[in-house]
C-alpha cells in the first residue's frame, strides 16, 4: 500500500524539483579570486597521490584476505 501511494505521488508530481541554482558553501565562504586560484589536481587527493592510495588499498585487501584465511584455518 505504501509503495502504490508513493508511486501515485511520484506520478502526480507532488514532490517538486529542487532549486534550479545550487548553493555551494565554498562559493559563499570565499571570494571569487580564491576559487579561481584553487587548482584541482586529480592525481593529488587530500594530500595523497592516487597511486599511493591504490597501493594502500592493495595492501589492505591482502591483509583482510590474510586475516580471513587465518580465522578459517585456526578459528
C-alpha atoms as a PDB file:
ATOM      1  CA  UNK A   1       0.000   0.000   0.000  1.00  0.00           C
ATOM      2  CA  UNK A   2       2.843   2.385   0.830  1.00  0.00           C
ATOM      3  CA  UNK A   3       4.573   1.680  -2.457  1.00  0.00           C
ATOM      4  CA  UNK A   4       1.435   2.314  -4.502  1.00  0.00           C
ATOM      5  CA  UNK A   5       0.829   5.558  -2.614  1.00  0.00           C
ATOM      6  CA  UNK A   6       4.441   6.618  -3.248  1.00  0.00           C
ATOM      7  CA  UNK A   7       4.098   5.691  -6.933  1.00  0.00           C
ATOM      8  CA  UNK A   8       0.897   7.724  -7.176  1.00  0.00           C
ATOM      9  CA  UNK A   9       2.634  10.688  -5.519  1.00  0.00           C
ATOM     10  CA  UNK A  10       5.562  10.472  -7.922  1.00  0.00           C
ATOM     11  CA  UNK A  11       3.271  10.218 -10.952  1.00  0.00           C
ATOM     12  CA  UNK A  12       1.201  13.135  -9.694  1.00  0.00           C
ATOM     13  CA  UNK A  13       4.347  15.269  -9.292  1.00  0.00           C
ATOM     14  CA  UNK A  14       3.557  16.083  -5.677  1.00  0.00           C
ATOM     15  CA  UNK A  15       7.288  16.138  -4.970  1.00  0.00           C
ATOM     16  CA  UNK A  16       8.524  19.270  -6.685  1.00  0.00           C
ATOM     17  CA  UNK A  17      12.004  19.613  -8.161  1.00  0.00           C
ATOM     18  CA  UNK A  18      14.831  21.189  -6.216  1.00  0.00           C
ATOM     19  CA  UNK A  19      16.081  24.719  -6.812  1.00  0.00           C
ATOM     20  CA  UNK A  20      17.435  25.394 -10.298  1.00  0.00           C
ATOM     21  CA  UNK A  21      20.542  27.063  -8.897  1.00  0.00           C
ATOM     22  CA  UNK A  22      22.515  25.081  -6.368  1.00  0.00           C
ATOM     23  CA  UNK A  23      24.256  26.699  -3.439  1.00  0.00           C
ATOM     24  CA  UNK A  24      27.855  25.977  -2.572  1.00  0.00           C
ATOM     25  CA  UNK A  25      29.379  26.567   0.845  1.00  0.00           C
ATOM     26  CA  UNK A  26      32.753  27.203  -0.798  1.00  0.00           C
ATOM     27  CA  UNK A  27      31.302  29.872  -3.077  1.00  0.00           C
ATOM     28  CA  UNK A  28      29.551  31.530  -0.154  1.00  0.00           C
ATOM     29  CA  UNK A  29      32.617  31.365   2.125  1.00  0.00           C
ATOM     30  CA  UNK A  30      35.391  32.596  -0.155  1.00  0.00           C
ATOM     31  CA  UNK A  31      35.875  35.496  -2.527  1.00  0.00           C
ATOM     32  CA  UNK A  32      35.966  34.705  -6.276  1.00  0.00           C
ATOM     33  CA  UNK A  33      39.744  35.149  -6.549  1.00  0.00           C
ATOM     34  CA  UNK A  34      40.347  32.333  -4.024  1.00  0.00           C
ATOM     35  CA  UNK A  35      38.140  29.970  -6.027  1.00  0.00           C
ATOM     36  CA  UNK A  36      39.915  30.887  -9.281  1.00  0.00           C
ATOM     37  CA  UNK A  37      43.329  30.227  -7.707  1.00  0.00           C
ATOM     38  CA  UNK A  38      42.243  26.810  -6.425  1.00  0.00           C
ATOM     39  CA  UNK A  39      43.589  24.140  -8.751  1.00  0.00           C
ATOM     40  CA  UNK A  40      42.048  20.689  -8.655  1.00  0.00           C
ATOM     41  CA  UNK A  41      44.668  18.038  -9.281  1.00  0.00           C
ATOM     42  CA  UNK A  42      43.126  14.608  -9.936  1.00  0.00           C
ATOM     43  CA  UNK A  43      46.424  12.892  -9.085  1.00  0.00           C
ATOM     44  CA  UNK A  44      46.575  14.501  -5.641  1.00  0.00           C
ATOM     45  CA  UNK A  45      43.719  13.509  -3.360  1.00  0.00           C
ATOM     46  CA  UNK A  46      43.674  15.126   0.105  1.00  0.00           C
ATOM     47  CA  UNK A  47      47.453  15.377   0.118  1.00  0.00           C
ATOM     48  CA  UNK A  48      47.981  11.775  -1.012  1.00  0.00           C
ATOM     49  CA  UNK A  49      48.849  10.730  -4.505  1.00  0.00           C
ATOM     50  CA  UNK A  50      46.342   8.370  -6.052  1.00  0.00           C
ATOM     51  CA  UNK A  51      48.943   5.701  -6.771  1.00  0.00           C
ATOM     52  CA  UNK A  52      49.894   5.749  -3.072  1.00  0.00           C
ATOM     53  CA  UNK A  53      46.216   5.364  -2.257  1.00  0.00           C
ATOM     54  CA  UNK A  54      45.955   2.472  -4.719  1.00  0.00           C
ATOM     55  CA  UNK A  55      48.953   0.758  -3.123  1.00  0.00           C
ATOM     56  CA  UNK A  56      47.360   1.180   0.298  1.00  0.00           C
ATOM     57  CA  UNK A  57      44.114  -0.404  -0.928  1.00  0.00           C
ATOM     58  CA  UNK A  58      46.054  -3.343  -2.393  1.00  0.00           C
ATOM     59  CA  UNK A  59      47.877  -3.912   0.888  1.00  0.00           C
ATOM     60  CA  UNK A  60      44.628  -3.551   2.825  1.00  0.00           C
ATOM     61  CA  UNK A  61      42.875  -6.128   0.622  1.00  0.00           C
ATOM     62  CA  UNK A  62      45.778  -8.565   1.063  1.00  0.00           C
ATOM     63  CA  UNK A  63      45.712  -8.003   4.822  1.00  0.00           C
ATOM     64  CA  UNK A  64      41.964  -8.641   5.002  1.00  0.00           C
ATOM     65  CA  UNK A  65      42.336 -11.818   2.930  1.00  0.00           C
ATOM     66  CA  UNK A  66      45.170 -12.987   5.186  1.00  0.00           C
ATOM     67  CA  UNK A  67      43.127 -12.333   8.331  1.00  0.00           C
ATOM     68  CA  UNK A  68      40.183 -14.229   6.858  1.00  0.00           C
ATOM     69  CA  UNK A  69      42.428 -17.184   5.932  1.00  0.00           C
ATOM     70  CA  UNK A  70      43.883 -17.278   9.470  1.00  0.00           C
ATOM     71  CA  UNK A  71      40.412 -17.203  11.001  1.00  0.00           C
ATOM     72  CA  UNK A  72      39.245 -20.005   8.704  1.00  0.00           C
ATOM     73  CA  UNK A  73      42.288 -22.156   9.430  1.00  0.00           C
ATOM     74  CA  UNK A  74      42.799 -21.540  13.143  1.00  0.00           C
ATOM     75  CA  UNK A  75      39.316 -20.463  14.159  1.00  0.00           C
END
